[in-house]
Amino acid sequence: MKKLSILLLVASAVAVLFSSCNKEYAEPTIAWTPYTLSSYVTIGDETTYNTTLEITANAEAGISTIEVYKYIYTGEDYTTVAVDGPTGYTDLTAFTWTLTTQNVETDFAGGVTSIVYEVAVTDASEVPQTTTKDYTFMVDEAYTVTMIIEDEDGTLITDATVTFDGSELTASPYEYEYVMPGTYTYTVEATGFESVNVTDFVMPSSDTTFTVTMLASLSAWSDTTLLALQGQQTWATYEGEAVTIYESAEIGVGFTYTDAGIGRITTTTGCEGWVVVADVSGFTTYSQIVDAYTNGTPVTQIDLNVDQRAYEEVYFVAKIGTEYKLVRYVLGHRSATTGNILGFTHKTKA
């Protein structure tokens, strides 16, 4: 629903950092309460024209100046109005004061499109550093954008971190009010999923709801699973450690045969098959290994080179029940005294 409103947008702080020849100080910071992305102001209701903010400035090198400016925009043109800033902060490393904006209805007449309050904090380092933060009241039509975050199965993700136009939400609902038509950036991050970064989202002249589908990340490579040749698991060792299994249901692999430097692996019970993958360098999401299996030709037997001099890695995707795993052959060992050993690591859904 359209709202003819005055929009308070809290812009992200922009810091200008100059390095000191003697000591590098952290750049000043500006924080305030209450923090909101927007404030809806109804024309005709004077109590909604302004906001009061408790602002805290921090400067490791000590505060040199705090200045407040008011810019009145008509399109791209603007005029500057002096605003009294606080006093009593010189050389302090932290200072808190209250800023109450001073807008009246006539301020927005005559084609005024926005009013910006800028707070600038400069520190006392040898090469001064300045941080600014803006508060913008805008006169225009504004809308609401709602983002629904879900995984590939359509399950809602309610604990993602969404940043839209610099404003962060860490839990659902992911709703941003009073958004102007235009082009925006947003990011979505959630544990176990690949981040989503969009730089060209176009906000239409209407309330908008859309869904962001998160792709599950792949885990890191697991520890190595060692398999002895079937029949040797009662006595085989590798680097002094006993290797007591010849098959692993976790990766769907059994070491069942060897001959002339070849180690033959076969699928275990519950493993549908494997699809050999030549290049996994671009694999970062679980859906990629699912697609590799779905689009490939599954096999149930592979002969691996276990001659240490001719060893080469082999990658394959195993389907075990409804789960998919990217398996890597990492080790082949032959010995008449310690047995025939194969080693594998794997990745799955993070």
Protein backbone atom coordinates (compact mmCIF):
# COMPACT_ATOMS: atom_id res chain seq x y z
CA MET A 1 0.00 0.00 0.00
CA LYS A 2 1.36 3.39 -0.92
CA LYS A 3 2.12 5.79 1.86
CA LEU A 4 2.72 9.49 1.28
CA SER A 5 5.25 9.92 3.97
CA ILE A 6 8.43 11.51 5.20
CA LEU A 7 11.05 8.83 5.41
CA LEU A 8 13.79 8.75 7.95
CA LEU A 9 16.63 6.65 6.60
CA VAL A 10 19.60 6.06 8.76
CA ALA A 11 22.56 5.89 6.44
CA SER A 12 25.65 3.84 7.20
CA ALA A 13 28.62 5.62 8.75
CA VAL A 14 31.30 6.70 6.32
CA ALA A 15 34.72 7.00 7.81
CA VAL A 16 37.69 8.78 6.28
CA LEU A 17 40.84 7.20 7.62
CA PHE A 18 44.26 8.80 7.59
CA SER A 19 47.24 6.83 8.91
CA SER A 20 49.51 8.37 11.51
CA CYS A 21 53.24 8.44 11.06
CA ASN A 22 53.79 7.68 14.74
CA LYS A 23 50.82 5.70 15.94
CA GLU A 24 47.77 4.39 14.21
CA TYR A 25 44.58 5.08 16.15
CA ALA A 26 41.26 3.39 15.52
CA GLU A 27 38.96 5.65 13.55
CA PRO A 28 36.21 7.39 15.52
CA THR A 29 32.82 5.69 15.84
CA ILE A 30 29.30 7.04 16.19
CA ALA A 31 26.45 5.05 17.72
CA TRP A 32 22.98 6.07 18.78
CA THR A 33 19.80 4.91 20.48
CA PRO A 34 17.15 4.14 19.60
CA TYR A 35 18.37 2.62 16.34
CA THR A 36 15.75 2.12 13.62
CA LEU A 37 15.99 1.95 9.88
CA SER A 38 13.14 4.40 9.39
CA SER A 39 10.68 6.64 11.12
CA TYR A 40 7.25 7.24 9.62
CA VAL A 41 6.17 10.86 9.84
CA THR A 42 2.63 11.97 9.05
CA ILE A 43 2.27 15.42 7.52
CA GLY A 44 -0.01 17.47 9.75
CA ASP A 45 1.13 15.72 12.92
CA GLU A 46 3.92 17.87 14.32
CA THR A 47 4.87 15.27 16.90
CA THR A 48 6.13 13.02 14.13
CA TYR A 49 8.32 15.52 12.27
CA ASN A 50 11.41 14.99 14.43
CA THR A 51 13.38 12.41 16.29
CA THR A 52 15.52 12.52 19.42
CA LEU A 53 18.67 10.44 19.44
CA GLU A 54 21.16 9.77 22.23
CA ILE A 55 24.48 9.76 20.39
CA THR A 56 27.76 8.37 21.64
CA ALA A 57 31.04 9.28 19.96
CA ASN A 58 34.22 7.31 20.62
CA ALA A 59 37.72 8.28 19.54
CA GLU A 60 40.81 6.40 20.68
CA ALA A 61 42.99 9.45 20.04
CA GLY A 62 40.58 11.77 21.82
CA ILE A 63 37.80 13.86 20.32
CA SER A 64 38.86 17.05 18.60
CA THR A 65 35.58 18.32 17.14
CA ILE A 66 31.93 17.31 16.86
CA GLU A 67 29.97 19.15 14.18
CA VAL A 68 26.34 18.91 13.10
CA TYR A 69 25.07 20.06 9.70
CA LYS A 70 21.59 20.24 8.23
CA TYR A 71 21.27 19.99 4.44
CA ILE A 72 17.98 20.85 2.74
CA TYR A 73 17.74 19.25 -0.68
CA THR A 74 15.62 20.18 -3.65
CA GLY A 75 16.52 17.48 -6.12
CA GLU A 76 20.33 17.50 -6.30
CA ASP A 77 20.63 21.11 -5.13
CA TYR A 78 20.91 21.86 -1.44
CA THR A 79 21.37 24.61 1.10
CA THR A 80 23.17 24.28 4.40
CA VAL A 81 21.72 25.36 7.74
CA ALA A 82 23.97 25.68 10.78
CA VAL A 83 23.07 23.45 13.73
CA ASP A 84 24.53 23.93 17.18
CA GLY A 85 26.64 20.95 18.17
CA PRO A 86 27.53 19.76 21.66
CA THR A 87 30.31 21.13 23.85
CA GLY A 88 32.53 19.75 26.60
CA TYR A 89 33.96 16.84 24.69
CA THR A 90 37.50 18.06 23.90
CA ASP A 91 40.14 15.28 24.32
CA LEU A 92 37.62 12.83 25.75
CA THR A 93 37.71 9.34 24.26
CA ALA A 94 33.96 8.84 24.72
CA PHE A 95 31.19 11.42 24.79
CA THR A 96 27.40 11.11 24.84
CA TRP A 97 24.87 13.81 24.07
CA THR A 98 21.29 14.17 22.84
CA LEU A 99 20.41 15.42 19.39
CA THR A 100 16.84 16.50 18.69
CA THR A 101 16.14 17.42 15.08
CA GLN A 102 14.37 20.74 14.49
CA ASN A 103 12.06 20.30 11.50
CA VAL A 104 8.78 22.11 10.92
CA GLU A 105 6.25 21.48 8.18
CA THR A 106 7.33 24.49 6.13
CA ASP A 107 10.84 23.02 5.91
CA PHE A 108 9.43 20.53 3.41
CA ALA A 109 7.60 23.07 1.25
CA GLY A 110 8.71 24.52 -2.08
CA GLY A 111 9.81 21.27 -3.70
CA VAL A 112 12.07 20.11 -0.89
CA THR A 113 12.79 16.41 -1.44
CA SER A 114 14.87 15.60 1.64
CA ILE A 115 16.53 17.00 4.75
CA VAL A 116 19.80 15.45 5.91
CA TYR A 117 21.30 15.83 9.39
CA GLU A 118 25.01 14.99 9.36
CA VAL A 119 27.07 14.37 12.49
CA ALA A 120 30.84 14.53 12.00
CA VAL A 121 33.35 13.44 14.67
CA THR A 122 37.05 14.23 14.19
CA ASP A 123 39.73 12.81 16.45
CA ALA A 124 42.90 14.40 17.80
CA SER A 125 45.41 12.11 16.12
CA GLU A 126 48.38 13.66 14.36
CA VAL A 127 46.62 13.16 11.03
CA PRO A 128 42.96 13.70 12.01
CA GLN A 129 40.39 11.03 11.18
CA THR A 130 36.75 11.91 10.63
CA THR A 131 33.67 9.71 10.82
CA THR A 132 30.25 10.91 9.66
CA LYS A 133 26.75 9.54 10.05
CA ASP A 134 23.61 10.90 8.37
CA TYR A 135 19.93 11.03 9.26
CA THR A 136 17.75 11.61 6.22
CA PHE A 137 14.11 12.73 6.15
CA MET A 138 12.67 12.19 2.68
CA VAL A 139 9.39 13.28 1.14
CA ASP A 140 8.23 10.69 -1.35
CA GLU A 141 6.18 7.55 -1.78
CA ALA A 142 7.68 4.64 0.14
CA TYR A 143 6.93 0.93 0.25
CA THR A 144 7.65 -2.23 2.21
CA VAL A 145 9.95 -5.02 1.05
CA THR A 146 9.62 -8.44 2.71
CA MET A 147 12.16 -11.21 2.22
CA ILE A 148 11.34 -14.87 2.86
CA ILE A 149 14.46 -16.97 3.46
CA GLU A 150 14.28 -20.72 2.86
CA ASP A 151 16.47 -23.68 1.94
CA GLU A 152 16.29 -25.76 -1.21
CA ASP A 153 13.55 -27.94 0.29
CA GLY A 154 11.36 -24.93 1.03
CA THR A 155 12.02 -24.99 4.79
CA LEU A 156 12.00 -21.52 6.30
CA ILE A 157 15.28 -20.19 7.70
CA THR A 158 14.46 -17.82 10.54
CA ASP A 159 17.94 -17.14 11.94
CA ALA A 160 19.67 -15.80 8.85
CA THR A 161 21.42 -12.42 8.86
CA VAL A 162 19.99 -10.15 6.18
CA THR A 163 21.55 -6.81 5.30
CA PHE A 164 19.46 -4.62 3.02
CA ASP A 165 20.84 -1.24 1.96
CA GLY A 166 23.15 -1.27 4.98
CA SER A 167 20.50 -2.21 7.57
CA GLU A 168 20.90 -5.56 9.30
CA LEU A 169 18.26 -7.94 10.62
CA THR A 170 19.33 -11.14 12.40
CA ALA A 171 15.97 -12.89 12.76
CA SER A 172 12.70 -13.10 10.87
CA PRO A 173 10.51 -11.37 9.90
CA TYR A 174 12.82 -9.82 7.33
CA GLU A 175 10.76 -6.74 6.58
CA TYR A 176 12.00 -3.29 5.64
CA GLU A 177 9.53 -0.43 5.63
CA TYR A 178 9.58 2.91 3.85
CA VAL A 179 11.87 1.83 1.02
CA MET A 180 12.03 4.16 -1.95
CA PRO A 181 11.81 2.85 -5.53
CA GLY A 182 15.32 2.33 -6.86
CA THR A 183 18.20 -0.12 -7.04
CA TYR A 184 19.55 -1.68 -3.85
CA THR A 185 22.06 -4.24 -2.61
CA TYR A 186 21.39 -6.97 -0.09
CA THR A 187 23.20 -9.95 1.41
CA VAL A 188 21.88 -13.03 3.18
CA GLU A 189 24.06 -15.20 5.41
CA ALA A 190 23.15 -18.31 7.42
CA THR A 191 25.24 -20.97 9.11
CA GLY A 192 25.66 -23.98 6.84
CA PHE A 193 24.68 -22.14 3.67
CA GLU A 194 26.41 -20.24 0.91
CA SER A 195 26.07 -16.46 1.24
CA VAL A 196 23.80 -14.63 -1.19
CA ASN A 197 25.02 -11.27 -2.51
CA VAL A 198 22.80 -9.19 -4.79
CA THR A 199 23.88 -5.79 -6.08
CA ASP A 200 21.06 -4.94 -8.48
CA PHE A 201 17.76 -5.51 -6.71
CA VAL A 202 15.19 -3.15 -8.22
CA MET A 203 12.54 -1.93 -5.78
CA PRO A 204 9.32 -1.29 -7.69
CA SER A 205 6.67 1.31 -6.88
CA SER A 206 4.69 -1.15 -4.77
CA ASP A 207 4.97 -3.33 -1.68
CA THR A 208 7.11 -6.35 -2.61
CA THR A 209 7.62 -9.83 -1.19
CA PHE A 210 10.16 -12.25 -2.61
CA THR A 211 11.89 -15.49 -1.63
CA VAL A 212 15.64 -16.05 -1.29
CA THR A 213 16.65 -19.71 -1.61
CA MET A 214 19.82 -20.58 0.29
CA LEU A 215 22.10 -23.32 -1.02
CA ALA A 216 23.60 -25.62 1.61
CA SER A 217 27.39 -25.42 1.86
CA LEU A 218 29.69 -28.37 1.71
CA SER A 219 31.54 -29.37 4.84
CA ALA A 220 35.32 -29.42 5.08
CA TRP A 221 37.10 -32.63 4.12
CA SER A 222 36.70 -35.28 6.81
CA ASP A 223 39.44 -37.21 8.52
CA THR A 224 40.77 -40.12 6.48
CA THR A 225 38.82 -43.37 6.55
CA LEU A 226 41.21 -46.32 6.17
CA LEU A 227 40.05 -49.61 4.67
CA ALA A 228 41.97 -52.88 4.62
CA LEU A 229 41.50 -55.39 1.82
CA GLN A 230 38.65 -57.74 2.64
CA GLY A 231 40.14 -60.67 4.56
CA GLN A 232 43.12 -58.65 5.84
CA GLN A 233 41.23 -56.53 8.38
CA THR A 234 42.25 -58.90 11.17
CA TRP A 235 45.96 -58.10 10.79
CA ALA A 236 46.51 -55.11 8.48
CA THR A 237 48.19 -51.98 9.80
CA TYR A 238 49.06 -48.54 8.46
CA GLU A 239 51.81 -46.45 10.04
CA GLY A 240 51.67 -48.68 13.10
CA GLU A 241 47.88 -48.45 13.58
CA ALA A 242 45.56 -51.41 13.07
CA VAL A 243 43.11 -51.12 10.17
CA THR A 244 40.16 -53.26 11.25
CA ILE A 245 37.49 -52.63 8.62
CA TYR A 246 37.26 -53.36 4.91
CA GLU A 247 34.09 -51.35 4.21
CA SER A 248 32.49 -48.11 5.41
CA ALA A 249 28.75 -47.55 5.22
CA GLU A 250 29.40 -43.87 5.90
CA ILE A 251 30.95 -43.38 2.46
CA GLY A 252 29.42 -46.44 0.78
CA VAL A 253 32.79 -48.03 -0.06
CA GLY A 254 34.14 -51.56 0.39
CA PHE A 255 37.69 -52.68 -0.50
CA THR A 256 37.03 -56.14 -1.92
CA TYR A 257 39.78 -57.08 -4.39
CA THR A 258 43.33 -56.33 -5.44
CA ASP A 259 45.56 -57.53 -8.22
CA ALA A 260 48.65 -56.16 -9.96
CA GLY A 261 48.52 -52.77 -8.30
CA ILE A 262 44.75 -52.36 -8.69
CA GLY A 263 42.47 -51.92 -5.69
CA ARG A 264 38.84 -52.65 -6.49
CA ILE A 265 36.13 -50.94 -4.49
CA THR A 266 32.46 -51.91 -4.56
CA THR A 267 29.37 -50.28 -3.11
CA THR A 268 28.19 -51.25 0.34
CA THR A 269 24.64 -52.14 1.30
CA GLY A 270 22.55 -48.98 1.20
CA CYS A 271 24.78 -47.24 -1.35
CA GLU A 272 23.01 -46.85 -4.69
CA GLY A 273 26.16 -46.09 -6.64
CA TRP A 274 28.93 -43.62 -7.44
CA VAL A 275 29.49 -41.07 -10.17
CA VAL A 276 33.13 -40.28 -10.89
CA VAL A 277 33.85 -36.53 -11.11
CA ALA A 278 36.89 -35.24 -12.97
CA ASP A 279 37.01 -31.67 -11.61
CA VAL A 280 35.70 -30.66 -8.18
CA SER A 281 37.53 -27.33 -7.90
CA GLY A 282 34.29 -25.37 -8.29
CA PHE A 283 32.22 -27.45 -5.87
CA THR A 284 31.09 -25.31 -2.93
CA THR A 285 27.43 -26.27 -2.41
CA TYR A 286 25.63 -29.50 -1.61
CA SER A 287 23.35 -29.04 -4.62
CA GLN A 288 26.38 -29.24 -6.91
CA ILE A 289 27.25 -32.75 -5.81
CA VAL A 290 23.58 -33.76 -6.05
CA ASP A 291 23.50 -32.43 -9.62
CA ALA A 292 26.77 -34.21 -10.45
CA TYR A 293 25.26 -37.52 -9.37
CA THR A 294 21.89 -36.91 -11.01
CA ASN A 295 23.45 -35.93 -14.33
CA GLY A 296 26.08 -38.68 -14.33
CA THR A 297 26.11 -42.43 -14.87
CA PRO A 298 26.29 -44.30 -11.57
CA VAL A 299 28.61 -47.30 -11.19
CA THR A 300 28.98 -49.84 -8.40
CA GLN A 301 32.62 -50.79 -8.93
CA ILE A 302 35.83 -48.80 -9.47
CA ASP A 303 39.41 -50.03 -9.90
CA LEU A 304 41.87 -47.69 -8.18
CA ASN A 305 45.63 -47.55 -8.65
CA VAL A 306 47.25 -48.55 -5.36
CA ASP A 307 50.82 -48.56 -6.65
CA GLN A 308 52.50 -45.79 -4.63
CA ARG A 309 54.57 -44.77 -7.64
CA ALA A 310 51.53 -44.32 -9.92
CA TYR A 311 48.98 -43.16 -7.35
CA GLU A 312 46.49 -40.47 -8.38
CA GLU A 313 43.48 -38.99 -6.59
CA VAL A 314 40.00 -40.00 -7.69
CA TYR A 315 36.80 -38.14 -6.82
CA PHE A 316 33.29 -39.56 -6.91
CA VAL A 317 29.86 -38.73 -5.57
CA ALA A 318 28.20 -41.49 -3.56
CA LYS A 319 24.45 -41.73 -3.01
CA ILE A 320 23.76 -43.42 0.32
CA GLY A 321 20.06 -43.67 0.97
CA THR A 322 18.84 -40.12 0.38
CA GLU A 323 22.19 -38.51 1.23
CA TYR A 324 24.98 -37.55 -1.16
CA LYS A 325 28.68 -37.41 -0.34
CA LEU A 326 31.69 -36.24 -2.30
CA VAL A 327 34.39 -38.88 -1.72
CA ARG A 328 38.10 -38.46 -2.45
CA TYR A 329 40.54 -41.35 -2.80
CA VAL A 330 43.66 -40.06 -1.04
CA LEU A 331 45.82 -43.05 -0.17
CA GLY A 332 46.87 -46.38 -1.65
CA HIS A 333 49.30 -48.69 0.15
CA ARG A 334 50.57 -52.20 -0.68
CA SER A 335 52.67 -54.36 1.60
CA ALA A 336 53.09 -58.08 2.01
CA THR A 337 53.69 -57.60 5.75
CA THR A 338 51.23 -54.81 6.70
CA GLY A 339 48.52 -55.43 4.13
CA ASN A 340 46.76 -53.55 1.36
CA ILE A 341 45.24 -50.25 2.50
CA LEU A 342 43.05 -47.60 0.84
CA GLY A 343 42.26 -44.20 2.33
CA PHE A 344 39.33 -41.87 1.66
CA THR A 345 38.06 -38.50 2.87
CA HIS A 346 34.65 -37.03 2.14
CA LYS A 347 32.47 -33.94 2.18
CA THR A 348 28.74 -33.68 2.74
CA LYS A 349 26.18 -31.07 3.69
CA ALA A 350 27.70 -28.62 6.19
